[in-house]
């Protein structure tokens, strides 16, 4: 089927189309001109904005201070190379003030406490898996190692969050897993919980110091926000101590009616000997585990250079000998030590077998077992 249309037939009177009085002969030309005008407008380059010229008399106070050599050296001696580079990028005046002392400032930045130790390539290759923690090993074959695993870094150097010893990124511990952050909490006793937050800052501050003060905020635990920065002696066994602490609470949740919480036989405060309610008590220590190291021809590092966190065996005022298993005679020494106050135990946590639920949720004040700093609770945050 086909439809035939006569294009030359005259239009009907009722449907006559009136001519449009425009300057264009067709709609196609009008559309093309409109698109060309739009393209011309879009391709027109934007007018450059006038530059703001700073007045010649305006001088930055920071740049003026850093242009003085004693001030610049004093600032550089407390920061590392990364912080020094960031400081020079703050403004043009600071950059101009620091660039003139570039070599001197780079030589005075923070250095790791092991930076001057020599590198022994033979022992480093032999004990390459443990060379970074040579000064905390108990094996006799590692006591003669006098060196370090590699060169100390200069770009990322900061103080240890626990002992305040300057350590670089090569000598610091590896960052623990994020899921381990909740296992670092320690429960505080009632004396430490009721005390002002300023008493837990080292050094101790005025009790009336507000919680929002910068001096208190710097003394709080920031392991979850800024990361963990600990030297090898302080951080080589933090995960083992966390597991041991949690196992103590797991054991106590099973044996809750044996009367072991009487007196000072409960779980001690997380601050241990630094507890505000600590007391001096007698503790029996078994000295059978102390095995003297065999003599060696290789000179060992002096005790002052080892910086070992492990305390030497204390010579108690009374030593008892007793016969152990198999007829082995060992010595038991009674010494006086400061022991922290016992912490409270909550009945709801025992029944539900929950370990440190209040500390994990942040409801109460708790202690960090990694950086050895306090974490505020809900009441501390409300009072700030």
Protein backbone atom coordinates (compact mmCIF):
# COMPACT_ATOMS: atom_id res chain seq x y z
CA UNK A 1 0.00 0.00 0.00
CA UNK A 2 1.35 3.42 -0.97
CA UNK A 3 0.28 6.97 -0.16
CA UNK A 4 0.68 9.66 -2.81
CA UNK A 5 1.05 13.28 -1.69
CA UNK A 6 0.90 16.29 -4.03
CA UNK A 7 3.45 18.76 -2.71
CA UNK A 8 2.55 21.46 -5.23
CA UNK A 9 -1.10 21.74 -4.20
CA UNK A 10 -2.20 25.14 -2.84
CA UNK A 11 -2.63 25.27 0.95
CA UNK A 12 -6.03 25.30 2.53
CA UNK A 13 -7.37 28.68 3.59
CA UNK A 14 -7.92 27.65 7.19
CA UNK A 15 -4.36 26.34 7.59
CA UNK A 16 -2.35 29.05 5.86
CA UNK A 17 1.03 29.54 7.50
CA UNK A 18 2.05 33.10 8.15
CA UNK A 19 5.62 34.00 7.24
CA UNK A 20 7.95 34.70 10.15
CA UNK A 21 9.57 38.09 9.95
CA UNK A 22 13.14 37.27 11.04
CA UNK A 23 16.54 37.85 9.63
CA UNK A 24 17.07 34.12 9.02
CA UNK A 25 15.74 32.23 6.04
CA UNK A 26 15.10 28.97 7.96
CA UNK A 27 15.04 27.45 11.43
CA UNK A 28 18.19 25.51 10.65
CA UNK A 29 20.15 28.71 10.10
CA UNK A 30 18.76 30.18 13.30
CA UNK A 31 19.80 27.10 15.30
CA UNK A 32 23.26 27.09 13.73
CA UNK A 33 23.79 30.74 14.59
CA UNK A 34 22.65 30.19 18.17
CA UNK A 35 25.06 27.27 18.61
CA UNK A 36 27.88 29.26 17.11
CA UNK A 37 27.25 32.12 19.54
CA UNK A 38 27.26 29.71 22.47
CA UNK A 39 30.52 28.18 21.29
CA UNK A 40 32.07 31.59 20.89
CA UNK A 41 31.04 32.55 24.40
CA UNK A 42 32.41 29.30 25.84
CA UNK A 43 35.72 29.52 23.99
CA UNK A 44 36.31 33.07 25.11
CA UNK A 45 39.17 32.98 27.65
CA UNK A 46 38.25 34.12 31.17
CA UNK A 47 39.55 37.44 32.28
CA UNK A 48 42.52 37.09 34.64
CA UNK A 49 41.81 38.02 38.24
CA UNK A 50 43.89 40.84 39.60
CA UNK A 51 46.67 39.56 41.84
CA UNK A 52 46.62 40.62 45.44
CA UNK A 53 49.94 42.15 46.21
CA UNK A 54 50.87 42.19 49.87
CA UNK A 55 52.10 45.49 51.19
CA UNK A 56 55.85 45.77 51.29
CA UNK A 57 55.89 46.70 54.97
CA UNK A 58 54.01 43.56 56.13
CA UNK A 59 56.49 41.11 57.69
CA UNK A 60 55.45 37.84 59.30
CA UNK A 61 56.29 37.58 62.96
CA UNK A 62 57.12 33.90 62.50
CA UNK A 63 59.53 34.67 59.68
CA UNK A 64 61.12 37.46 61.68
CA UNK A 65 61.69 35.11 64.63
CA UNK A 66 63.07 32.27 62.50
CA UNK A 67 65.50 34.61 60.80
CA UNK A 68 67.38 34.89 64.12
CA UNK A 69 69.97 32.12 64.33
CA UNK A 70 69.66 31.18 68.06
CA UNK A 71 65.88 30.92 67.78
CA UNK A 72 66.05 28.86 64.58
CA UNK A 73 68.58 26.44 66.06
CA UNK A 74 66.58 26.10 69.27
CA UNK A 75 63.43 25.22 67.35
CA UNK A 76 65.23 22.79 65.04
CA UNK A 77 66.77 20.90 67.96
CA UNK A 78 63.30 19.77 69.10
CA UNK A 79 61.89 18.61 65.73
CA UNK A 80 62.85 16.16 62.99
CA UNK A 81 63.52 16.77 59.31
CA UNK A 82 59.90 16.23 58.27
CA UNK A 83 58.63 18.81 60.75
CA UNK A 84 61.39 21.21 59.74
CA UNK A 85 60.36 20.92 56.10
CA UNK A 86 56.71 21.51 56.99
CA UNK A 87 57.70 24.55 59.04
CA UNK A 88 59.55 26.06 56.09
CA UNK A 89 56.43 25.68 53.92
CA UNK A 90 54.14 27.66 56.18
CA UNK A 91 54.92 31.01 54.59
CA UNK A 92 57.49 32.72 52.42
CA UNK A 93 58.96 34.63 55.35
CA UNK A 94 59.55 31.40 57.32
CA UNK A 95 61.17 29.79 54.28
CA UNK A 96 63.49 32.74 53.73
CA UNK A 97 64.44 32.78 57.40
CA UNK A 98 65.31 29.06 57.55
CA UNK A 99 66.95 28.59 54.16
CA UNK A 100 69.92 30.73 55.11
CA UNK A 101 70.83 28.30 57.94
CA UNK A 102 69.95 25.13 56.04
CA UNK A 103 73.06 23.05 56.74
CA UNK A 104 73.30 24.06 60.38
CA UNK A 105 69.61 23.35 61.05
CA UNK A 106 69.69 19.93 59.39
CA UNK A 107 72.62 18.96 61.59
CA UNK A 108 70.86 20.00 64.82
CA UNK A 109 67.54 18.18 64.35
CA UNK A 110 66.49 15.29 66.58
CA UNK A 111 68.63 12.15 66.47
CA UNK A 112 67.85 8.65 67.64
CA UNK A 113 69.43 7.54 70.91
CA UNK A 114 71.13 4.71 69.00
CA UNK A 115 72.47 6.93 66.25
CA UNK A 116 76.06 6.75 67.51
CA UNK A 117 76.11 2.98 67.97
CA UNK A 118 78.26 1.14 65.41
CA UNK A 119 76.87 -1.33 62.89
CA UNK A 120 78.45 -4.78 63.11
CA UNK A 121 77.81 -6.42 59.71
CA UNK A 122 78.85 -9.90 60.86
CA UNK A 123 76.60 -10.07 63.91
CA UNK A 124 73.82 -8.18 62.15
CA UNK A 125 73.66 -10.80 59.40
CA UNK A 126 73.88 -13.62 61.92
CA UNK A 127 71.15 -12.28 64.20
CA UNK A 128 69.26 -10.29 61.58
CA UNK A 129 65.89 -11.44 62.91
CA UNK A 130 66.66 -10.17 66.43
CA UNK A 131 69.37 -7.59 65.91
CA UNK A 132 67.02 -4.66 66.45
CA UNK A 133 66.26 -5.79 70.02
CA UNK A 134 69.70 -7.00 71.05
CA UNK A 135 69.65 -5.15 74.36
CA UNK A 136 66.54 -6.91 75.68
CA UNK A 137 67.37 -10.50 74.79
CA UNK A 138 68.06 -12.98 77.58
CA UNK A 139 69.96 -15.56 75.53
CA UNK A 140 73.65 -15.76 76.29
CA UNK A 141 74.63 -15.73 72.63
CA UNK A 142 72.96 -12.35 72.15
CA UNK A 143 74.52 -10.59 75.13
CA UNK A 144 77.77 -10.03 73.26
CA UNK A 145 76.12 -8.30 70.33
CA UNK A 146 77.29 -4.69 70.35
CA UNK A 147 75.65 -2.88 67.47
CA UNK A 148 72.37 -2.27 65.66
CA UNK A 149 70.50 -3.63 62.67
CA UNK A 150 71.00 -0.64 60.34
CA UNK A 151 71.38 3.09 60.00
CA UNK A 152 69.05 5.25 62.05
CA UNK A 153 66.60 7.44 60.16
CA UNK A 154 66.52 11.22 60.35
CA UNK A 155 63.20 11.99 58.69
CA UNK A 156 60.83 10.51 61.31
CA UNK A 157 62.24 10.94 64.82
CA UNK A 158 60.19 11.52 67.96
CA UNK A 159 60.16 10.79 71.67
CA UNK A 160 58.95 7.44 72.93
CA UNK A 161 55.46 7.86 74.33
CA UNK A 162 56.37 5.86 77.41
CA UNK A 163 59.96 6.63 78.45
CA UNK A 164 60.43 9.91 76.49
CA UNK A 165 63.56 8.56 74.82
CA UNK A 166 64.19 9.91 71.31
CA UNK A 167 63.78 7.06 68.80
CA UNK A 168 63.65 6.92 64.99
CA UNK A 169 61.29 4.93 62.80
CA UNK A 170 63.87 2.18 62.24
CA UNK A 171 64.32 1.59 65.97
CA UNK A 172 60.64 1.96 66.93
CA UNK A 173 58.30 -1.01 67.19
CA UNK A 174 55.94 -2.04 64.44
CA UNK A 175 52.42 -0.67 64.70
CA UNK A 176 50.10 -3.24 66.34
CA UNK A 177 46.94 -4.33 64.58
CA UNK A 178 43.93 -2.00 64.94
CA UNK A 179 41.88 -4.75 66.60
CA UNK A 180 44.46 -4.91 69.41
CA UNK A 181 43.70 -1.36 70.55
CA UNK A 182 40.80 -2.51 72.73
CA UNK A 183 43.04 -4.96 74.59
CA UNK A 184 45.46 -2.35 75.91
CA UNK A 185 43.16 -1.05 78.67
CA UNK A 186 43.91 -1.55 82.36
CA UNK A 187 41.42 -1.04 85.19
CA UNK A 188 42.19 1.62 87.79
CA UNK A 189 41.48 1.42 91.50
CA UNK A 190 39.01 3.67 93.27
CA UNK A 191 41.74 6.00 94.51
CA UNK A 192 43.06 6.62 91.00
CA UNK A 193 39.53 6.94 89.60
CA UNK A 194 38.39 9.53 92.15
CA UNK A 195 41.62 11.55 91.97
CA UNK A 196 41.78 14.59 89.65
CA UNK A 197 42.92 13.86 86.14
CA UNK A 198 45.91 16.16 86.61
CA UNK A 199 47.40 13.72 89.15
CA UNK A 200 47.88 11.13 86.40
CA UNK A 201 49.94 13.46 84.20
CA UNK A 202 53.72 13.30 84.40
CA UNK A 203 54.82 15.61 85.95
CA UNK A 204 51.90 16.11 88.33
CA UNK A 205 49.92 19.29 87.68
CA UNK A 206 47.67 21.50 89.75
CA UNK A 207 44.41 19.67 90.59
CA UNK A 208 42.42 22.70 89.43
CA UNK A 209 43.82 22.49 85.90
CA UNK A 210 40.88 22.03 83.48
CA UNK A 211 40.73 18.90 81.35
CA UNK A 212 40.63 20.94 78.16
CA UNK A 213 44.02 22.53 78.88
CA UNK A 214 46.77 21.79 76.38
CA UNK A 215 49.16 20.54 79.05
CA UNK A 216 46.67 17.82 80.04
CA UNK A 217 45.71 16.93 76.48
CA UNK A 218 49.38 16.32 75.68
CA UNK A 219 49.68 13.93 78.62
CA UNK A 220 46.72 11.74 77.63
CA UNK A 221 46.88 8.55 75.60
CA UNK A 222 46.69 9.09 71.82
CA UNK A 223 47.54 5.58 70.62
CA UNK A 224 44.23 5.28 68.77
CA UNK A 225 44.40 8.63 66.98
CA UNK A 226 48.06 9.46 66.33
CA UNK A 227 49.45 5.92 66.40
CA UNK A 228 51.81 3.96 68.63
CA UNK A 229 55.37 5.27 68.89
CA UNK A 230 57.42 3.20 71.32
CA UNK A 231 61.05 2.17 71.48
CA UNK A 232 62.02 -1.49 71.44
CA UNK A 233 62.60 -1.85 75.21
CA UNK A 234 59.17 -0.39 76.00
CA UNK A 235 57.16 -2.08 73.28
CA UNK A 236 58.73 -5.47 72.58
CA UNK A 237 56.28 -7.39 74.84
CA UNK A 238 53.14 -5.23 74.99
CA UNK A 239 50.98 -7.84 73.25
CA UNK A 240 52.12 -10.59 75.60
CA UNK A 241 51.31 -8.44 78.63
CA UNK A 242 47.86 -7.67 77.21
CA UNK A 243 47.07 -11.35 76.82
CA UNK A 244 48.35 -12.14 80.31
CA UNK A 245 46.21 -9.38 81.82
CA UNK A 246 43.07 -10.59 80.06
CA UNK A 247 43.73 -14.19 81.08
CA UNK A 248 43.77 -13.06 84.72
CA UNK A 249 40.28 -11.64 84.33
CA UNK A 250 39.09 -14.73 82.47
CA UNK A 251 40.28 -16.91 85.32
CA UNK A 252 38.65 -14.70 87.95
CA UNK A 253 35.33 -14.75 86.08
CA UNK A 254 35.21 -18.55 86.56
CA UNK A 255 36.30 -18.65 90.21
CA UNK A 256 34.28 -15.90 91.83
CA UNK A 257 33.42 -17.48 95.18
CA UNK A 258 36.82 -18.52 96.49
CA UNK A 259 37.44 -15.42 98.61
CA UNK A 260 40.62 -14.33 96.86
CA UNK A 261 39.56 -10.70 96.71
CA UNK A 262 40.08 -10.15 100.44
CA UNK A 263 42.76 -7.69 101.47
CA UNK A 264 45.40 -7.07 98.83
CA UNK A 265 44.86 -10.32 96.92
CA UNK A 266 42.72 -8.89 94.16
CA UNK A 267 43.82 -7.64 90.74
CA UNK A 268 46.14 -4.73 91.32
CA UNK A 269 45.69 -1.29 89.83
CA UNK A 270 46.74 -0.79 86.23
CA UNK A 271 49.36 1.73 87.29
CA UNK A 272 51.07 -0.99 89.35
CA UNK A 273 53.76 0.59 91.57
CA UNK A 274 52.79 4.11 90.42
CA UNK A 275 49.28 3.72 91.83
CA UNK A 276 48.12 6.62 93.98
CA UNK A 277 46.94 4.14 96.63
CA UNK A 278 49.96 1.81 96.49
CA UNK A 279 51.31 0.28 99.68
CA UNK A 280 54.60 -1.37 100.65
CA UNK A 281 54.24 -5.10 101.15
CA UNK A 282 56.43 -8.17 101.35
CA UNK A 283 56.61 -10.33 98.24
CA UNK A 284 58.37 -13.66 97.89
CA UNK A 285 60.46 -14.02 94.76
CA UNK A 286 61.93 -17.26 93.46
CA UNK A 287 65.53 -16.69 92.38
CA UNK A 288 65.94 -20.13 90.77
CA UNK A 289 65.23 -18.77 87.30
CA UNK A 290 68.25 -16.48 87.30
CA UNK A 291 70.94 -18.29 85.33
CA UNK A 292 74.29 -16.49 85.24
CA UNK A 293 75.74 -15.91 81.81
CA UNK A 294 78.90 -17.88 80.92
CA UNK A 295 82.16 -15.95 80.64
CA UNK A 296 83.15 -14.83 77.17
CA UNK A 297 86.28 -13.44 75.60
CA UNK A 298 84.32 -10.90 73.58
CA UNK A 299 83.87 -7.64 75.48
CA UNK A 300 80.25 -6.92 76.25
CA UNK A 301 78.72 -3.44 76.28
CA UNK A 302 78.78 -1.68 79.64
CA UNK A 303 75.56 -1.67 81.68
CA UNK A 304 75.10 2.05 81.11
CA UNK A 305 74.98 1.53 77.34
CA UNK A 306 72.61 -1.42 77.36
CA UNK A 307 69.64 0.55 78.69
CA UNK A 308 67.87 -2.69 79.58
CA UNK A 309 64.38 -2.23 81.07
CA UNK A 310 64.71 -5.49 82.97
CA UNK A 311 65.52 -4.83 86.63
CA UNK A 312 68.43 -6.56 88.28
CA UNK A 313 67.65 -9.22 90.94
CA UNK A 314 67.05 -7.48 94.24
CA UNK A 315 69.06 -8.58 97.26
CA UNK A 316 66.31 -9.05 99.83
CA UNK A 317 66.75 -8.75 103.56
CA UNK A 318 65.82 -12.41 104.08
CA UNK A 319 66.59 -15.43 101.89
CA UNK A 320 65.06 -18.88 102.46
CA UNK A 321 66.12 -22.18 100.98
CA UNK A 322 63.52 -24.79 100.20
CA UNK A 323 63.50 -28.11 98.42
CA UNK A 324 61.53 -28.16 95.24
CA UNK A 325 60.41 -30.92 92.89
CA UNK A 326 63.03 -33.60 92.34
CA UNK A 327 65.06 -32.60 95.38
CA UNK A 328 66.30 -29.37 93.80
CA UNK A 329 67.17 -26.78 96.43
CA UNK A 330 66.29 -23.24 95.42
CA UNK A 331 66.35 -19.87 97.11
CA UNK A 332 63.31 -17.75 97.85
CA UNK A 333 63.91 -14.11 98.61
CA UNK A 334 61.50 -11.92 100.53
CA UNK A 335 61.64 -8.33 99.38
CA UNK A 336 59.63 -5.20 99.97
CA UNK A 337 57.81 -3.83 96.96
CA UNK A 338 55.16 -1.24 96.25
CA UNK A 339 51.96 -2.94 95.16
CA UNK A 340 48.98 -1.11 93.72
CA UNK A 341 45.55 -1.08 95.32
CA UNK A 342 43.04 -3.75 94.31
CA UNK A 343 40.56 -2.75 91.62
CA UNK A 344 36.77 -3.22 91.90
CA UNK A 345 35.04 -6.16 90.25
CA UNK A 346 31.49 -5.78 88.92
CA UNK A 347 28.90 -8.52 89.31
CA UNK A 348 27.27 -7.95 85.92
CA UNK A 349 30.58 -8.48 84.13
CA UNK A 350 31.23 -11.70 86.04
CA UNK A 351 27.84 -13.17 85.24
CA UNK A 352 28.07 -12.30 81.54
CA UNK A 353 31.77 -13.31 81.30
CA UNK A 354 32.61 -9.86 79.97
CA UNK A 355 36.16 -8.61 80.40
CA UNK A 356 36.65 -4.88 81.11
CA UNK A 357 33.38 -3.91 79.43
CA UNK A 358 33.22 -0.47 81.06
CA UNK A 359 36.80 0.30 80.04
CA UNK A 360 36.28 -0.89 76.46
CA UNK A 361 33.17 1.27 76.02
CA UNK A 362 34.91 4.33 77.51
CA UNK A 363 32.45 4.81 80.36
CA UNK A 364 35.06 4.99 83.12
CA UNK A 365 38.60 6.26 83.42
CA UNK A 366 41.17 3.65 82.36
CA UNK A 367 44.90 3.21 81.91
CA UNK A 368 46.79 2.44 78.70
CA UNK A 369 49.21 -0.47 79.04
CA UNK A 370 51.21 0.61 75.98
CA UNK A 371 52.15 4.26 76.43
CA UNK A 372 51.50 4.20 80.21
CA UNK A 373 49.12 7.16 80.09
CA UNK A 374 45.59 7.77 81.27
CA UNK A 375 42.41 7.86 79.18
CA UNK A 376 39.54 10.04 80.44
CA UNK A 377 36.08 8.62 81.05
CA UNK A 378 32.63 10.04 80.47
CA UNK A 379 32.63 11.98 83.75
CA UNK A 380 35.98 13.58 82.91
CA UNK A 381 34.70 14.70 79.51
CA UNK A 382 31.54 16.18 81.04
CA UNK A 383 33.49 18.21 83.60
CA UNK A 384 35.81 19.81 81.08
